[in-house]
C-alpha cells in the first residue's frame, strides 16, 4: 500500500476487531511473497537487511504500544518529527 492508501484505510483499521498495521518501507519493490510479520528474531532482521528496509511501523490494536524502527537514526528522527508535527 502507498502511504496515502494507509492513511485512507486508517478509520477502517481503527474500527476493525482485527485493526492492525505492519508496514515497512524499502527503496525498491520487495519480492511479492515476502511477509516480514511471519518472521521473528534473527530471521526477520536478516530479511529486513536483505531487502534494505529503511523504516518499519507496527501499529497493533487500539491501546497497545506501537513500534517505529529504522536502522538509520536520521530516518527515525525525521519520522518522529513528522508524527509530532501532524499529531
N, C-alpha and C. Protein backbone atom coordinates (compact mmCIF):
# COMPACT_ATOMS: atom_id res chain seq x y z
N UNK A 1 0.83 -1.18 0.00
CA UNK A 1 0.00 0.00 0.00
C UNK A 1 0.88 1.24 0.00
N UNK A 2 0.40 2.26 -0.65
CA UNK A 2 1.10 3.54 -0.61
C UNK A 2 0.80 4.22 0.72
N UNK A 3 1.61 5.21 1.12
CA UNK A 3 1.29 5.94 2.36
C UNK A 3 -0.12 6.54 2.32
N UNK A 4 -0.54 7.05 1.18
CA UNK A 4 -1.87 7.64 1.08
C UNK A 4 -2.97 6.59 1.29
N UNK A 5 -2.76 5.40 0.75
CA UNK A 5 -3.74 4.31 0.93
C UNK A 5 -3.84 3.91 2.41
N UNK A 6 -2.72 3.91 3.10
CA UNK A 6 -2.74 3.57 4.54
C UNK A 6 -3.50 4.63 5.31
N UNK A 7 -3.27 5.90 5.00
CA UNK A 7 -3.97 6.98 5.69
C UNK A 7 -5.48 6.86 5.45
N UNK A 8 -5.86 6.57 4.21
CA UNK A 8 -7.28 6.43 3.89
C UNK A 8 -7.91 5.22 4.60
N UNK A 9 -7.13 4.16 4.81
CA UNK A 9 -7.64 2.96 5.46
C UNK A 9 -7.64 3.08 6.98
N UNK A 10 -7.06 4.14 7.51
CA UNK A 10 -6.95 4.32 8.96
C UNK A 10 -8.23 4.13 9.73
N UNK A 11 -9.31 4.82 9.37
CA UNK A 11 -10.57 4.64 10.12
C UNK A 11 -11.08 3.20 10.09
N UNK A 12 -10.94 2.54 8.95
CA UNK A 12 -11.39 1.15 8.85
C UNK A 12 -10.56 0.24 9.75
N UNK A 13 -9.24 0.45 9.76
CA UNK A 13 -8.38 -0.36 10.63
C UNK A 13 -8.69 -0.08 12.10
N UNK A 14 -8.95 1.17 12.43
CA UNK A 14 -9.21 1.56 13.80
C UNK A 14 -10.51 0.95 14.33
N UNK A 15 -11.52 0.84 13.46
CA UNK A 15 -12.82 0.30 13.88
C UNK A 15 -12.90 -1.22 13.81
N UNK A 16 -11.95 -1.83 13.15
CA UNK A 16 -11.98 -3.28 12.93
C UNK A 16 -11.53 -4.04 14.18
N UNK A 17 -12.15 -5.19 14.42
CA UNK A 17 -11.69 -6.05 15.51
C UNK A 17 -10.27 -6.54 15.25
N UNK A 18 -9.89 -6.61 13.99
CA UNK A 18 -8.56 -7.07 13.62
C UNK A 18 -7.67 -5.90 13.19
N UNK A 19 -8.01 -4.69 13.64
CA UNK A 19 -7.27 -3.49 13.25
C UNK A 19 -5.80 -3.57 13.64
N UNK A 20 -4.96 -3.70 12.66
CA UNK A 20 -3.52 -3.85 12.90
C UNK A 20 -2.80 -3.50 11.62
N UNK A 21 -1.68 -2.81 11.73
CA UNK A 21 -0.90 -2.45 10.55
C UNK A 21 0.56 -2.80 10.81
N UNK A 22 1.13 -3.55 9.91
CA UNK A 22 2.56 -3.88 9.96
C UNK A 22 3.10 -3.47 8.60
N UNK A 23 3.80 -2.33 8.56
CA UNK A 23 4.24 -1.77 7.28
C UNK A 23 5.73 -1.48 7.32
N UNK A 24 6.35 -1.55 6.14
CA UNK A 24 7.78 -1.26 6.05
C UNK A 24 8.06 -0.59 4.72
N UNK A 25 9.07 0.28 4.74
CA UNK A 25 9.49 0.99 3.54
C UNK A 25 10.81 0.43 3.06
N UNK A 26 10.91 0.29 1.75
CA UNK A 26 12.15 -0.17 1.12
C UNK A 26 12.41 0.68 -0.12
N UNK A 27 13.67 0.79 -0.54
CA UNK A 27 13.99 1.63 -1.69
C UNK A 27 13.54 1.05 -3.04
N UNK A 28 13.35 -0.25 -3.10
CA UNK A 28 12.89 -0.88 -4.34
C UNK A 28 11.77 -1.86 -3.99
N UNK A 29 11.02 -2.28 -4.98
CA UNK A 29 9.91 -3.20 -4.72
C UNK A 29 10.43 -4.54 -4.21
N UNK A 30 9.91 -4.99 -3.06
CA UNK A 30 10.37 -6.27 -2.49
C UNK A 30 9.72 -7.45 -3.20
N UNK A 31 10.21 -8.65 -2.96
CA UNK A 31 9.55 -9.83 -3.52
C UNK A 31 8.10 -9.89 -3.06
N UNK A 32 7.21 -10.23 -3.95
CA UNK A 32 5.77 -10.24 -3.63
C UNK A 32 5.41 -11.27 -2.55
N UNK A 33 6.21 -12.31 -2.40
CA UNK A 33 5.87 -13.36 -1.44
C UNK A 33 6.52 -13.15 -0.06
N UNK A 34 7.22 -12.04 0.14
CA UNK A 34 7.88 -11.78 1.42
C UNK A 34 6.86 -11.25 2.43
N UNK A 35 6.78 -11.90 3.59
CA UNK A 35 5.88 -11.48 4.68
C UNK A 35 6.74 -11.36 5.95
N UNK A 36 7.20 -10.15 6.24
CA UNK A 36 8.07 -9.96 7.41
C UNK A 36 7.37 -10.26 8.72
N UNK A 37 6.07 -10.03 8.80
CA UNK A 37 5.37 -10.26 10.07
C UNK A 37 5.35 -11.73 10.47
N UNK A 38 5.66 -12.63 9.54
CA UNK A 38 5.70 -14.06 9.87
C UNK A 38 7.09 -14.51 10.32
N UNK A 39 8.04 -13.60 10.27
CA UNK A 39 9.41 -13.92 10.69
C UNK A 39 9.67 -13.30 12.06
N UNK A 40 10.60 -13.90 12.80
CA UNK A 40 10.94 -13.38 14.12
C UNK A 40 12.44 -13.38 14.32
N UNK A 41 12.90 -12.55 15.24
CA UNK A 41 14.29 -12.54 15.65
C UNK A 41 15.28 -12.35 14.51
N UNK A 42 16.31 -13.21 14.50
CA UNK A 42 17.38 -13.10 13.51
C UNK A 42 16.88 -13.29 12.08
N UNK A 43 15.89 -14.13 11.92
CA UNK A 43 15.33 -14.36 10.59
C UNK A 43 14.70 -13.09 10.04
N UNK A 44 13.93 -12.38 10.88
CA UNK A 44 13.32 -11.13 10.45
C UNK A 44 14.39 -10.09 10.18
N UNK A 45 15.36 -9.98 11.06
CA UNK A 45 16.44 -8.99 10.89
C UNK A 45 17.20 -9.23 9.59
N UNK A 46 17.52 -10.49 9.29
CA UNK A 46 18.24 -10.82 8.06
C UNK A 46 17.40 -10.47 6.83
N UNK A 47 16.12 -10.77 6.88
CA UNK A 47 15.24 -10.44 5.74
C UNK A 47 15.15 -8.93 5.56
N UNK A 48 15.03 -8.19 6.66
CA UNK A 48 14.95 -6.73 6.57
C UNK A 48 16.23 -6.14 6.00
N UNK A 49 17.36 -6.64 6.43
CA UNK A 49 18.64 -6.17 5.90
C UNK A 49 18.78 -6.54 4.44
N UNK A 50 18.31 -7.74 4.07
CA UNK A 50 18.43 -8.22 2.70
C UNK A 50 17.67 -7.39 1.69
N UNK A 51 16.52 -6.84 2.09
CA UNK A 51 15.75 -6.03 1.15
C UNK A 51 15.93 -4.54 1.39
N UNK A 52 16.72 -4.17 2.39
CA UNK A 52 17.04 -2.76 2.64
C UNK A 52 15.94 -1.96 3.31
N UNK A 53 15.24 -2.55 4.29
CA UNK A 53 14.18 -1.82 4.99
C UNK A 53 14.75 -0.55 5.60
N UNK A 54 14.10 0.58 5.31
CA UNK A 54 14.53 1.86 5.87
C UNK A 54 13.67 2.31 7.03
N UNK A 55 12.42 1.80 7.11
CA UNK A 55 11.51 2.19 8.17
C UNK A 55 10.48 1.08 8.37
N UNK A 56 10.21 0.75 9.63
CA UNK A 56 9.21 -0.27 9.96
C UNK A 56 8.22 0.35 10.93
N UNK A 57 6.93 0.14 10.65
CA UNK A 57 5.86 0.65 11.51
C UNK A 57 4.98 -0.52 11.90
N UNK A 58 4.83 -0.73 13.20
CA UNK A 58 3.98 -1.80 13.72
C UNK A 58 2.93 -1.14 14.61
N UNK A 59 1.70 -1.02 14.09
CA UNK A 59 0.59 -0.43 14.84
C UNK A 59 -0.36 -1.54 15.23
N UNK A 60 -0.28 -1.98 16.48
CA UNK A 60 -1.15 -3.08 16.92
C UNK A 60 -2.57 -2.56 17.19
N UNK A 61 -3.33 -3.33 17.93
CA UNK A 61 -4.70 -2.96 18.26
C UNK A 61 -4.72 -1.71 19.13
N UNK A 62 -5.86 -1.06 19.16
CA UNK A 62 -6.05 0.14 19.97
C UNK A 62 -5.59 -0.11 21.41
N UNK A 63 -4.96 0.90 22.01
CA UNK A 63 -4.47 0.88 23.39
C UNK A 63 -3.24 -0.01 23.59
N UNK A 64 -2.65 -0.50 22.52
CA UNK A 64 -1.38 -1.23 22.62
C UNK A 64 -0.26 -0.35 22.10
N UNK A 65 0.96 -0.67 22.45
CA UNK A 65 2.12 0.15 22.10
C UNK A 65 2.53 -0.07 20.65
N UNK A 66 2.72 1.03 19.93
CA UNK A 66 3.19 0.97 18.55
C UNK A 66 4.72 0.96 18.53
N UNK A 67 5.27 0.46 17.43
CA UNK A 67 6.72 0.42 17.24
C UNK A 67 7.07 1.13 15.95
N UNK A 68 8.04 2.02 16.03
CA UNK A 68 8.61 2.69 14.86
C UNK A 68 10.09 2.38 14.90
N UNK A 69 10.62 1.75 13.84
CA UNK A 69 12.00 1.27 13.85
C UNK A 69 12.68 1.64 12.53
N UNK A 70 13.95 1.97 12.62
CA UNK A 70 14.77 2.21 11.44
C UNK A 70 16.23 1.91 11.78
N UNK A 71 16.99 1.37 10.81
CA UNK A 71 18.41 1.16 11.05
C UNK A 71 19.19 2.47 10.95
N UNK A 72 18.53 3.54 10.50
CA UNK A 72 19.17 4.83 10.29
C UNK A 72 18.56 5.86 11.23
N UNK A 73 19.34 6.37 12.15
CA UNK A 73 18.85 7.31 13.16
C UNK A 73 18.22 8.55 12.53
N UNK A 74 18.77 9.02 11.40
CA UNK A 74 18.22 10.21 10.75
C UNK A 74 16.82 9.95 10.19
N UNK A 75 16.61 8.76 9.65
CA UNK A 75 15.28 8.39 9.15
C UNK A 75 14.29 8.32 10.31
N UNK A 76 14.71 7.72 11.41
CA UNK A 76 13.85 7.61 12.59
C UNK A 76 13.51 8.98 13.15
N UNK A 77 14.50 9.85 13.30
CA UNK A 77 14.26 11.20 13.82
C UNK A 77 13.31 11.98 12.91
N UNK A 78 13.51 11.89 11.59
CA UNK A 78 12.64 12.59 10.65
C UNK A 78 11.20 12.05 10.73
N UNK A 79 11.05 10.76 10.89
CA UNK A 79 9.72 10.17 11.01
C UNK A 79 9.03 10.63 12.29
N UNK A 80 9.76 10.64 13.38
CA UNK A 80 9.19 11.10 14.64
C UNK A 80 8.79 12.57 14.56
N UNK A 81 9.58 13.38 13.89
CA UNK A 81 9.27 14.79 13.74
C UNK A 81 7.99 14.96 12.92
N UNK A 82 7.81 14.16 11.86
CA UNK A 82 6.57 14.23 11.06
C UNK A 82 5.36 13.84 11.91
N UNK A 83 5.53 12.84 12.77
CA UNK A 83 4.41 12.43 13.65
C UNK A 83 4.08 13.57 14.61
N UNK A 84 5.11 14.16 15.21
CA UNK A 84 4.88 15.25 16.16
C UNK A 84 4.19 16.43 15.48
N UNK A 85 4.60 16.79 14.29
CA UNK A 85 4.05 17.98 13.62
C UNK A 85 2.65 17.74 13.08
N UNK A 86 2.26 16.48 12.88
CA UNK A 86 0.91 16.18 12.39
C UNK A 86 -0.02 15.72 13.50
N UNK A 87 0.52 15.58 14.71
CA UNK A 87 -0.20 14.99 15.81
C UNK A 87 -1.34 15.74 16.34
